[in-house]
Structures are given as structure tokens and as C-alpha cells.
Amino acid sequence: FTETNDIFCKLRAFITFTSRTVALSLIMLATYERWIMSS
């Protein structure tokens, strides 16, 4: 339905892109946390 319905399309894109950005950014924060712990 995301291919034919605008509402489902918008929600799917927003949730998928947002969650993926959060996941990658949290791993970036984990590398920052490892850096300060090694100081």
C-alpha cells in the first residue's frame, strides 16, 4: 500500500529514514564514548 497510498508512503519513508539515522548516530556516539573512556 505504500506504493499507491500517499499517507502510507510518507509514514514509511519518515519512520524508516528516521530510525536508520538514529541507529547509525547511536553507534557514532558509542565510538565517542569509547574514545573518552580511553583517555
PDB file of all heavy atoms in Angstrom:
ATOM      1  N   PHE A   1       0.815  -1.210   0.000  1.00  0.00           N
ATOM      2  CA  PHE A   1       0.000   0.000   0.000  1.00  0.00           C
ATOM      3  C   PHE A   1       0.855   1.270   0.000  1.00  0.00           C
ATOM      4  O   PHE A   1       0.351   2.343  -0.340  1.00  0.00           O
ATOM      5  CB  PHE A   1      -0.939   0.006   1.206  1.00  0.00           C
ATOM      6  CG  PHE A   1      -1.938  -1.105   1.188  1.00  0.00           C
ATOM      7  CD1 PHE A   1      -1.850  -2.150   2.095  1.00  0.00           C
ATOM      8  CD2 PHE A   1      -2.965  -1.122   0.257  1.00  0.00           C
ATOM      9  CE1 PHE A   1      -2.773  -3.175   2.072  1.00  0.00           C
ATOM     10  CE2 PHE A   1      -3.900  -2.143   0.223  1.00  0.00           C
ATOM     11  CZ  PHE A   1      -3.798  -3.184   1.136  1.00  0.00           C
ATOM     12  N   THR A   2       2.131   1.176   0.385  1.00  0.00           N
ATOM     13  CA  THR A   2       2.976   2.366   0.386  1.00  0.00           C
ATOM     14  C   THR A   2       3.297   2.829  -1.031  1.00  0.00           C
ATOM     15  O   THR A   2       3.720   3.967  -1.222  1.00  0.00           O
ATOM     16  CB  THR A   2       4.294   2.109   1.141  1.00  0.00           C
ATOM     17  OG1 THR A   2       5.063   1.124   0.450  1.00  0.00           O
ATOM     18  CG2 THR A   2       4.024   1.629   2.555  1.00  0.00           C
ATOM     19  N   GLU A   3       3.123   1.950  -2.029  1.00  0.00           N
ATOM     20  CA  GLU A   3       3.372   2.341  -3.411  1.00  0.00           C
ATOM     21  C   GLU A   3       2.199   3.086  -4.023  1.00  0.00           C
ATOM     22  O   GLU A   3       2.354   3.777  -5.028  1.00  0.00           O
ATOM     23  CB  GLU A   3       3.691   1.108  -4.258  1.00  0.00           C
ATOM     24  CG  GLU A   3       5.021   0.463  -3.926  1.00  0.00           C
ATOM     25  CD  GLU A   3       5.337  -0.697  -4.851  1.00  0.00           C
ATOM     26  OE1 GLU A   3       4.409  -1.150  -5.570  1.00  0.00           O
ATOM     27  OE2 GLU A   3       6.486  -1.150  -4.869  1.00  0.00           O
ATOM     28  N   THR A   4       1.015   2.943  -3.435  1.00  0.00           N
ATOM     29  CA  THR A   4      -0.192   3.529  -4.035  1.00  0.00           C
ATOM     30  C   THR A   4      -0.897   4.527  -3.132  1.00  0.00           C
ATOM     31  O   THR A   4      -1.706   5.324  -3.616  1.00  0.00           O
ATOM     32  CB  THR A   4      -1.183   2.401  -4.389  1.00  0.00           C
ATOM     33  OG1 THR A   4      -1.469   1.636  -3.208  1.00  0.00           O
ATOM     34  CG2 THR A   4      -0.595   1.477  -5.450  1.00  0.00           C
ATOM     35  N   ASN A   5      -0.603   4.501  -1.841  1.00  0.00           N
ATOM     36  CA  ASN A   5      -1.278   5.387  -0.897  1.00  0.00           C
ATOM     37  C   ASN A   5      -0.286   6.411  -0.348  1.00  0.00           C
ATOM     38  O   ASN A   5       0.742   6.044   0.218  1.00  0.00           O
ATOM     39  CB  ASN A   5      -1.884   4.564   0.240  1.00  0.00           C
ATOM     40  CG  ASN A   5      -2.709   5.412   1.195  1.00  0.00           C
ATOM     41  OD1 ASN A   5      -2.168   6.154   2.012  1.00  0.00           O
ATOM     42  ND2 ASN A   5      -4.030   5.301   1.107  1.00  0.00           N
ATOM     43  N   ASP A   6      -0.609   7.691  -0.505  1.00  0.00           N
ATOM     44  CA  ASP A   6       0.321   8.750  -0.097  1.00  0.00           C
ATOM     45  C   ASP A   6       0.607   8.730   1.403  1.00  0.00           C
ATOM     46  O   ASP A   6       1.748   8.942   1.824  1.00  0.00           O
ATOM     47  CB  ASP A   6      -0.248  10.120  -0.489  1.00  0.00           C
ATOM     48  CG  ASP A   6      -0.026  10.434  -1.956  1.00  0.00           C
ATOM     49  OD1 ASP A   6       0.801   9.751  -2.580  1.00  0.00           O
ATOM     50  OD2 ASP A   6      -0.696  11.349  -2.472  1.00  0.00           O
ATOM     51  N   ILE A   7      -0.410   8.486   2.218  1.00  0.00           N
ATOM     52  CA  ILE A   7      -0.217   8.518   3.674  1.00  0.00           C
ATOM     53  C   ILE A   7       0.731   7.406   4.113  1.00  0.00           C
ATOM     54  O   ILE A   7       1.692   7.632   4.861  1.00  0.00           O
ATOM     55  CB  ILE A   7      -1.574   8.402   4.400  1.00  0.00           C
ATOM     56  CG1 ILE A   7      -2.431   9.635   4.107  1.00  0.00           C
ATOM     57  CG2 ILE A   7      -1.354   8.256   5.912  1.00  0.00           C
ATOM     58  CD1 ILE A   7      -3.821   9.580   4.708  1.00  0.00           C
ATOM     59  N   PHE A   8       0.480   6.189   3.632  1.00  0.00           N
ATOM     60  CA  PHE A   8       1.364   5.074   3.970  1.00  0.00           C
ATOM     61  C   PHE A   8       2.771   5.301   3.434  1.00  0.00           C
ATOM     62  O   PHE A   8       3.767   4.959   4.073  1.00  0.00           O
ATOM     63  CB  PHE A   8       0.801   3.758   3.428  1.00  0.00           C
ATOM     64  CG  PHE A   8      -0.407   3.267   4.167  1.00  0.00           C
ATOM     65  CD1 PHE A   8      -1.539   2.872   3.482  1.00  0.00           C
ATOM     66  CD2 PHE A   8      -0.426   3.213   5.553  1.00  0.00           C
ATOM     67  CE1 PHE A   8      -2.669   2.425   4.148  1.00  0.00           C
ATOM     68  CE2 PHE A   8      -1.546   2.768   6.236  1.00  0.00           C
ATOM     69  CZ  PHE A   8      -2.670   2.371   5.535  1.00  0.00           C
ATOM     70  N   CYS A   9       2.857   5.876   2.252  1.00  0.00           N
ATOM     71  CA  CYS A   9       4.163   6.167   1.637  1.00  0.00           C
ATOM     72  C   CYS A   9       4.957   7.135   2.506  1.00  0.00           C
ATOM     73  O   CYS A   9       6.131   6.901   2.810  1.00  0.00           O
ATOM     74  CB  CYS A   9       3.950   6.747   0.247  1.00  0.00           C
ATOM     75  SG  CYS A   9       5.424   7.466  -0.512  1.00  0.00           S
ATOM     76  N   LYS A  10       4.313   8.219   2.913  1.00  0.00           N
ATOM     77  CA  LYS A  10       5.001   9.235   3.717  1.00  0.00           C
ATOM     78  C   LYS A  10       5.428   8.676   5.076  1.00  0.00           C
ATOM     79  O   LYS A  10       6.560   8.921   5.530  1.00  0.00           O
ATOM     80  CB  LYS A  10       4.075  10.436   3.923  1.00  0.00           C
ATOM     81  CG  LYS A  10       3.723  11.198   2.647  1.00  0.00           C
ATOM     82  CD  LYS A  10       2.671  12.251   2.912  1.00  0.00           C
ATOM     83  CE  LYS A  10       2.173  12.913   1.639  1.00  0.00           C
ATOM     84  NZ  LYS A  10       3.188  13.748   0.990  1.00  0.00           N
ATOM     85  N   LEU A  11       4.538   7.920   5.725  1.00  0.00           N
ATOM     86  CA  LEU A  11       4.851   7.365   7.046  1.00  0.00           C
ATOM     87  C   LEU A  11       5.989   6.351   6.965  1.00  0.00           C
ATOM     88  O   LEU A  11       6.882   6.337   7.812  1.00  0.00           O
ATOM     89  CB  LEU A  11       3.608   6.723   7.653  1.00  0.00           C
ATOM     90  CG  LEU A  11       2.513   7.686   8.134  1.00  0.00           C
ATOM     91  CD1 LEU A  11       1.304   6.915   8.625  1.00  0.00           C
ATOM     92  CD2 LEU A  11       3.050   8.598   9.245  1.00  0.00           C
ATOM     93  N   ARG A  12       5.936   5.505   5.952  1.00  0.00           N
ATOM     94  CA  ARG A  12       7.002   4.509   5.808  1.00  0.00           C
ATOM     95  C   ARG A  12       8.356   5.186   5.607  1.00  0.00           C
ATOM     96  O   ARG A  12       9.348   4.827   6.257  1.00  0.00           O
ATOM     97  CB  ARG A  12       6.708   3.602   4.621  1.00  0.00           C
ATOM     98  CG  ARG A  12       7.843   2.615   4.341  1.00  0.00           C
ATOM     99  CD  ARG A  12       7.840   2.139   2.903  1.00  0.00           C
ATOM    100  NE  ARG A  12       8.954   1.234   2.640  1.00  0.00           N
ATOM    101  CZ  ARG A  12       9.234   0.743   1.466  1.00  0.00           C
ATOM    102  NH1 ARG A  12       8.490   1.063   0.420  1.00  0.00           N
ATOM    103  NH2 ARG A  12      10.267  -0.052   1.289  1.00  0.00           N
ATOM    104  N   ALA A  13       8.421   6.165   4.704  1.00  0.00           N
ATOM    105  CA  ALA A  13       9.680   6.861   4.441  1.00  0.00           C
ATOM    106  C   ALA A  13      10.188   7.567   5.693  1.00  0.00           C
ATOM    107  O   ALA A  13      11.371   7.464   6.043  1.00  0.00           O
ATOM    108  CB  ALA A  13       9.494   7.855   3.296  1.00  0.00           C
ATOM    109  N   PHE A  14       9.295   8.275   6.379  1.00  0.00           N
ATOM    110  CA  PHE A  14       9.691   9.024   7.567  1.00  0.00           C
ATOM    111  C   PHE A  14      10.214   8.095   8.664  1.00  0.00           C
ATOM    112  O   PHE A  14      11.286   8.335   9.250  1.00  0.00           O
ATOM    113  CB  PHE A  14       8.497   9.831   8.085  1.00  0.00           C
ATOM    114  CG  PHE A  14       8.728  10.495   9.407  1.00  0.00           C
ATOM    115  CD1 PHE A  14       9.589  11.569   9.517  1.00  0.00           C
ATOM    116  CD2 PHE A  14       8.103  10.028  10.558  1.00  0.00           C
ATOM    117  CE1 PHE A  14       9.816  12.181  10.743  1.00  0.00           C
ATOM    118  CE2 PHE A  14       8.319  10.622  11.779  1.00  0.00           C
ATOM    119  CZ  PHE A  14       9.179  11.704  11.876  1.00  0.00           C
ATOM    120  N   ILE A  15       9.486   7.028   8.955  1.00  0.00           N
ATOM    121  CA  ILE A  15       9.890   6.122  10.030  1.00  0.00           C
ATOM    122  C   ILE A  15      11.178   5.385   9.678  1.00  0.00           C
ATOM    123  O   ILE A  15      12.087   5.267  10.506  1.00  0.00           O
ATOM    124  CB  ILE A  15       8.758   5.113  10.333  1.00  0.00           C
ATOM    125  CG1 ILE A  15       7.542   5.839  10.903  1.00  0.00           C
ATOM    126  CG2 ILE A  15       9.238   4.044  11.311  1.00  0.00           C
ATOM    127  CD1 ILE A  15       6.316   4.963  11.041  1.00  0.00           C
ATOM    128  N   THR A  16      11.278   4.910   8.438  1.00  0.00           N
ATOM    129  CA  THR A  16      12.469   4.148   8.036  1.00  0.00           C
ATOM    130  C   THR A  16      13.722   5.014   8.056  1.00  0.00           C
ATOM    131  O   THR A  16      14.757   4.626   8.610  1.00  0.00           O
ATOM    132  CB  THR A  16      12.268   3.548   6.637  1.00  0.00           C
ATOM    133  OG1 THR A  16      11.104   2.724   6.622  1.00  0.00           O
ATOM    134  CG2 THR A  16      13.472   2.712   6.239  1.00  0.00           C
ATOM    135  N   PHE A  17      13.651   6.203   7.466  1.00  0.00           N
ATOM    136  CA  PHE A  17      14.823   7.070   7.410  1.00  0.00           C
ATOM    137  C   PHE A  17      15.205   7.572   8.801  1.00  0.00           C
ATOM    138  O   PHE A  17      16.390   7.652   9.136  1.00  0.00           O
ATOM    139  CB  PHE A  17      14.562   8.258   6.477  1.00  0.00           C
ATOM    140  CG  PHE A  17      14.781   7.956   5.029  1.00  0.00           C
ATOM    141  CD1 PHE A  17      13.886   7.176   4.326  1.00  0.00           C
ATOM    142  CD2 PHE A  17      15.890   8.440   4.362  1.00  0.00           C
ATOM    143  CE1 PHE A  17      14.081   6.884   2.995  1.00  0.00           C
ATOM    144  CE2 PHE A  17      16.109   8.167   3.025  1.00  0.00           C
ATOM    145  CZ  PHE A  17      15.196   7.379   2.330  1.00  0.00           C
ATOM    146  N   THR A  18      14.205   7.915   9.601  1.00  0.00           N
ATOM    147  CA  THR A  18      14.488   8.418  10.949  1.00  0.00           C
ATOM    148  C   THR A  18      15.133   7.337  11.807  1.00  0.00           C
ATOM    149  O   THR A  18      16.144   7.582  12.482  1.00  0.00           O
ATOM    150  CB  THR A  18      13.197   8.913  11.619  1.00  0.00           C
ATOM    151  OG1 THR A  18      12.616   9.952  10.831  1.00  0.00           O
ATOM    152  CG2 THR A  18      13.490   9.454  13.007  1.00  0.00           C
ATOM    153  N   SER A  19      14.566   6.148  11.805  1.00  0.00           N
ATOM    154  CA  SER A  19      15.111   5.072  12.641  1.00  0.00           C
ATOM    155  C   SER A  19      16.509   4.672  12.192  1.00  0.00           C
ATOM    156  O   SER A  19      17.384   4.378  13.017  1.00  0.00           O
ATOM    157  CB  SER A  19      14.178   3.856  12.613  1.00  0.00           C
ATOM    158  OG  SER A  19      13.971   3.391  11.296  1.00  0.00           O
ATOM    159  N   ARG A  20      16.740   4.663  10.877  1.00  0.00           N
ATOM    160  CA  ARG A  20      18.078   4.317  10.390  1.00  0.00           C
ATOM    161  C   ARG A  20      19.094   5.377  10.798  1.00  0.00           C
ATOM    162  O   ARG A  20      20.231   5.053  11.182  1.00  0.00           O
ATOM    163  CB  ARG A  20      18.055   4.161   8.869  1.00  0.00           C
ATOM    164  CG  ARG A  20      19.386   3.707   8.272  1.00  0.00           C
ATOM    165  CD  ARG A  20      19.244   3.460   6.792  1.00  0.00           C
ATOM    166  NE  ARG A  20      18.339   2.349   6.542  1.00  0.00           N
ATOM    167  CZ  ARG A  20      17.601   2.228   5.447  1.00  0.00           C
ATOM    168  NH1 ARG A  20      17.635   3.174   4.530  1.00  0.00           N
ATOM    169  NH2 ARG A  20      16.820   1.187   5.281  1.00  0.00           N
ATOM    170  N   THR A  21      18.704   6.642  10.733  1.00  0.00           N
ATOM    171  CA  THR A  21      19.604   7.721  11.150  1.00  0.00           C
ATOM    172  C   THR A  21      19.910   7.622  12.638  1.00  0.00           C
ATOM    173  O   THR A  21      21.056   7.804  13.063  1.00  0.00           O
ATOM    174  CB  THR A  21      18.964   9.089  10.835  1.00  0.00           C
ATOM    175  OG1 THR A  21      18.648   9.155   9.449  1.00  0.00           O
ATOM    176  CG2 THR A  21      19.925  10.221  11.189  1.00  0.00           C
ATOM    177  N   VAL A  22      18.886   7.320  13.442  1.00  0.00           N
ATOM    178  CA  VAL A  22      19.085   7.161  14.882  1.00  0.00           C
ATOM    179  C   VAL A  22      20.052   6.005  15.153  1.00  0.00           C
ATOM    180  O   VAL A  22      20.974   6.133  15.975  1.00  0.00           O
ATOM    181  CB  VAL A  22      17.738   6.922  15.589  1.00  0.00           C
ATOM    182  CG1 VAL A  22      17.954   6.513  17.043  1.00  0.00           C
ATOM    183  CG2 VAL A  22      16.883   8.184  15.526  1.00  0.00           C
ATOM    184  N   ALA A  23      19.863   4.876  14.475  1.00  0.00           N
ATOM    185  CA  ALA A  23      20.718   3.706  14.704  1.00  0.00           C
ATOM    186  C   ALA A  23      22.183   4.013  14.392  1.00  0.00           C
ATOM    187  O   ALA A  23      23.079   3.703  15.187  1.00  0.00           O
ATOM    188  CB  ALA A  23      20.228   2.533  13.858  1.00  0.00           C
ATOM    189  N   LEU A  24      22.445   4.645  13.258  1.00  0.00           N
ATOM    190  CA  LEU A  24      23.818   4.972  12.880  1.00  0.00           C
ATOM    191  C   LEU A  24      24.417   6.018  13.821  1.00  0.00           C
ATOM    192  O   LEU A  24      25.590   5.931  14.203  1.00  0.00           O
ATOM    193  CB  LEU A  24      23.853   5.483  11.440  1.00  0.00           C
ATOM    194  CG  LEU A  24      23.651   4.441  10.353  1.00  0.00           C
ATOM    195  CD1 LEU A  24      23.463   5.109   9.001  1.00  0.00           C
ATOM    196  CD2 LEU A  24      24.825   3.489  10.287  1.00  0.00           C
ATOM    197  N   SER A  25      23.618   6.999  14.207  1.00  0.00           N
ATOM    198  CA  SER A  25      24.123   8.059  15.085  1.00  0.00           C
ATOM    199  C   SER A  25      24.455   7.522  16.476  1.00  0.00           C
ATOM    200  O   SER A  25      25.408   7.981  17.117  1.00  0.00           O
ATOM    201  CB  SER A  25      23.085   9.185  15.193  1.00  0.00           C
ATOM    202  OG  SER A  25      22.830   9.757  13.927  1.00  0.00           O
ATOM    203  N   LEU A  26      23.686   6.539  16.953  1.00  0.00           N
ATOM    204  CA  LEU A  26      23.976   5.957  18.259  1.00  0.00           C
ATOM    205  C   LEU A  26      25.278   5.163  18.236  1.00  0.00           C
ATOM    206  O   LEU A  26      26.025   5.161  19.218  1.00  0.00           O
ATOM    207  CB  LEU A  26      22.815   5.062  18.696  1.00  0.00           C
ATOM    208  CG  LEU A  26      21.525   5.797  19.062  1.00  0.00           C
ATOM    209  CD1 LEU A  26      20.403   4.810  19.341  1.00  0.00           C
ATOM    210  CD2 LEU A  26      21.739   6.706  20.267  1.00  0.00           C
ATOM    211  N   ILE A  27      25.557   4.495  17.128  1.00  0.00           N
ATOM    212  CA  ILE A  27      26.850   3.819  17.007  1.00  0.00           C
ATOM    213  C   ILE A  27      27.981   4.851  16.972  1.00  0.00           C
ATOM    214  O   ILE A  27      29.061   4.636  17.536  1.00  0.00           O
ATOM    215  CB  ILE A  27      26.887   2.933  15.749  1.00  0.00           C
ATOM    216  CG1 ILE A  27      25.825   1.834  15.865  1.00  0.00           C
ATOM    217  CG2 ILE A  27      28.255   2.291  15.563  1.00  0.00           C
ATOM    218  CD1 ILE A  27      25.980   0.938  17.079  1.00  0.00           C
ATOM    219  N   MET A  28      27.723   5.993  16.337  1.00  0.00           N
ATOM    220  CA  MET A  28      28.710   7.079  16.352  1.00  0.00           C
ATOM    221  C   MET A  28      28.943   7.554  17.789  1.00  0.00           C
ATOM    222  O   MET A  28      30.088   7.793  18.202  1.00  0.00           O
ATOM    223  CB  MET A  28      28.224   8.233  15.476  1.00  0.00           C
ATOM    224  CG  MET A  28      29.167   9.427  15.426  1.00  0.00           C
ATOM    225  SD  MET A  28      28.492  10.810  14.481  1.00  0.00           S
ATOM    226  CE  MET A  28      27.150  11.330  15.578  1.00  0.00           C
ATOM    227  N   LEU A  29      27.867   7.690  18.577  1.00  0.00           N
ATOM    228  CA  LEU A  29      28.013   8.074  19.985  1.00  0.00           C
ATOM    229  C   LEU A  29      28.786   7.014  20.769  1.00  0.00           C
ATOM    230  O   LEU A  29      29.540   7.347  21.687  1.00  0.00           O
ATOM    231  CB  LEU A  29      26.632   8.290  20.617  1.00  0.00           C
ATOM    232  CG  LEU A  29      25.861   9.538  20.217  1.00  0.00           C
ATOM    233  CD1 LEU A  29      24.537   9.595  20.974  1.00  0.00           C
ATOM    234  CD2 LEU A  29      26.674  10.802  20.478  1.00  0.00           C
ATOM    235  N   ALA A  30      28.596   5.748  20.402  1.00  0.00           N
ATOM    236  CA  ALA A  30      29.333   4.674  21.078  1.00  0.00           C
ATOM    237  C   ALA A  30      30.831   4.781  20.802  1.00  0.00           C
ATOM    238  O   ALA A  30      31.651   4.545  21.699  1.00  0.00           O
ATOM    239  CB  ALA A  30      28.806   3.309  20.635  1.00  0.00           C
ATOM    240  N   THR A  31      31.212   5.154  19.576  1.00  0.00           N
ATOM    241  CA  THR A  31      32.636   5.351  19.289  1.00  0.00           C
ATOM    242  C   THR A  31      33.177   6.554  20.073  1.00  0.00           C
ATOM    243  O   THR A  31      34.329   6.539  20.522  1.00  0.00           O
ATOM    244  CB  THR A  31      32.868   5.577  17.777  1.00  0.00           C
ATOM    245  OG1 THR A  31      32.131   6.714  17.336  1.00  0.00           O
ATOM    246  CG2 THR A  31      32.449   4.362  16.980  1.00  0.00           C
ATOM    247  N   TYR A  32      32.341   7.588  20.225  1.00  0.00           N
ATOM    248  CA  TYR A  32      32.754   8.739  21.037  1.00  0.00           C
ATOM    249  C   TYR A  32      32.937   8.322  22.493  1.00  0.00           C
ATOM    250  O   TYR A  32      33.908   8.719  23.155  1.00  0.00           O
ATOM    251  CB  TYR A  32      31.705   9.851  20.931  1.00  0.00           C
ATOM    252  CG  TYR A  32      31.914  10.991  21.904  1.00  0.00           C
ATOM    253  CD1 TYR A  32      32.890  11.957  21.674  1.00  0.00           C
ATOM    254  CD2 TYR A  32      31.141  11.089  23.063  1.00  0.00           C
ATOM    255  CE1 TYR A  32      33.091  12.999  22.573  1.00  0.00           C
ATOM    256  CE2 TYR A  32      31.338  12.120  23.963  1.00  0.00           C
ATOM    257  CZ  TYR A  32      32.309  13.072  23.714  1.00  0.00           C
ATOM    258  OH  TYR A  32      32.514  14.091  24.618  1.00  0.00           O
ATOM    259  N   GLU A  33      32.022   7.486  22.996  1.00  0.00           N
ATOM    260  CA  GLU A  33      32.107   7.015  24.376  1.00  0.00           C
ATOM    261  C   GLU A  33      33.365   6.178  24.592  1.00  0.00           C
ATOM    262  O   GLU A  33      34.033   6.297  25.625  1.00  0.00           O
ATOM    263  CB  GLU A  33      30.843   6.204  24.700  1.00  0.00           C
ATOM    264  CG  GLU A  33      30.598   5.969  26.174  1.00  0.00           C
ATOM    265  CD  GLU A  33      31.325   4.734  26.675  1.00  0.00           C
ATOM    266  OE1 GLU A  33      31.675   3.880  25.840  1.00  0.00           O
ATOM    267  OE2 GLU A  33      31.557   4.621  27.888  1.00  0.00           O
ATOM    268  N   ARG A  34      33.707   5.335  23.620  1.00  0.00           N
ATOM    269  CA  ARG A  34      34.948   4.539  23.716  1.00  0.00           C
ATOM    270  C   ARG A  34      36.180   5.451  23.677  1.00  0.00           C
ATOM    271  O   ARG A  34      37.191   5.167  24.322  1.00  0.00           O
ATOM    272  CB  ARG A  34      35.020   3.534  22.567  1.00  0.00           C
ATOM    273  CG  ARG A  34      34.053   2.368  22.630  1.00  0.00           C
ATOM    274  CD  ARG A  34      34.294   1.474  23.832  1.00  0.00           C
ATOM    275  NE  ARG A  34      33.558   1.933  25.013  1.00  0.00           N
ATOM    276  CZ  ARG A  34      33.793   1.520  26.243  1.00  0.00           C
ATOM    277  NH1 ARG A  34      34.769   0.662  26.475  1.00  0.00           N
ATOM    278  NH2 ARG A  34      33.080   1.966  27.263  1.00  0.00           N
ATOM    279  N   TRP A  35      36.098   6.535  22.924  1.00  0.00           N
ATOM    280  CA  TRP A  35      37.236   7.454  22.832  1.00  0.00           C
ATOM    281  C   TRP A  35      37.492   8.143  24.175  1.00  0.00           C
ATOM    282  O   TRP A  35      38.630   8.178  24.650  1.00  0.00           O
ATOM    283  CB  TRP A  35      36.963   8.502  21.743  1.00  0.00           C
ATOM    284  CG  TRP A  35      37.965   9.620  21.723  1.00  0.00           C
ATOM    285  CD1 TRP A  35      39.317   9.494  21.615  1.00  0.00           C
ATOM    286  CD2 TRP A  35      37.693  11.018  21.861  1.00  0.00           C
ATOM    287  NE1 TRP A  35      39.913  10.746  21.662  1.00  0.00           N
ATOM    288  CE2 TRP A  35      38.945  11.692  21.811  1.00  0.00           C
ATOM    289  CE3 TRP A  35      36.522  11.767  21.998  1.00  0.00           C
ATOM    290  CZ2 TRP A  35      39.033  13.077  21.896  1.00  0.00           C
ATOM    291  CZ3 TRP A  35      36.618  13.145  22.082  1.00  0.00           C
ATOM    292  CH2 TRP A  35      37.872  13.780  22.034  1.00  0.00           C
ATOM    293  N   ILE A  36      36.427   8.675  24.794  1.00  0.00           N
ATOM    294  CA  ILE A  36      36.659   9.370  26.064  1.00  0.00           C
ATOM    295  C   ILE A  36      37.050   8.378  27.167  1.00  0.00           C
ATOM    296  O   ILE A  36      37.787   8.730  28.084  1.00  0.00           O
ATOM    297  CB  ILE A  36      35.416  10.198  26.487  1.00  0.00           C
ATOM    298  CG1 ILE A  36      34.190   9.319  26.693  1.00  0.00           C
ATOM    299  CG2 ILE A  36      35.135  11.291  25.479  1.00  0.00           C
ATOM    300  CD1 ILE A  36      32.981  10.087  27.202  1.00  0.00           C
ATOM    301  N   MET A  37      36.571   7.135  27.082  1.00  0.00           N
ATOM    302  CA  MET A  37      36.949   6.140  28.079  1.00  0.00           C
ATOM    303  C   MET A  37      38.405   5.717  27.938  1.00  0.00           C
ATOM    304  O   MET A  37      39.023   5.254  28.895  1.00  0.00           O
ATOM    305  CB  MET A  37      36.051   4.914  27.978  1.00  0.00           C
ATOM    306  CG  MET A  37      34.704   5.071  28.675  1.00  0.00           C
ATOM    307  SD  MET A  37      34.872   5.424  30.440  1.00  0.00           S
ATOM    308  CE  MET A  37      35.635   3.899  31.018  1.00  0.00           C
ATOM    309  N   SER A  38      38.971   5.866  26.742  1.00  0.00           N
ATOM    310  CA  SER A  38      40.369   5.515  26.534  1.00  0.00           C
ATOM    311  C   SER A  38      41.310   6.656  26.887  1.00  0.00           C
ATOM    312  O   SER A  38      42.540   6.494  26.858  1.00  0.00           O
ATOM    313  CB  SER A  38      40.595   5.113  25.070  1.00  0.00           C
ATOM    314  OG  SER A  38      40.387   6.227  24.207  1.00  0.00           O
ATOM    315  N   SER A  39      40.753   7.822  27.237  1.00  0.00           N
ATOM    316  CA  SER A  39      41.577   8.987  27.544  1.00  0.00           C
ATOM    317  C   SER A  39      42.259   8.823  28.905  1.00  0.00           C
ATOM    318  O   SER A  39      41.718   8.217  29.837  1.00  0.00           O
ATOM    319  CB  SER A  39      40.704  10.250  27.548  1.00  0.00           C
ATOM    320  OG  SER A  39      41.435  11.374  27.987  1.00  0.00           O
TER     321      SER A  39
END
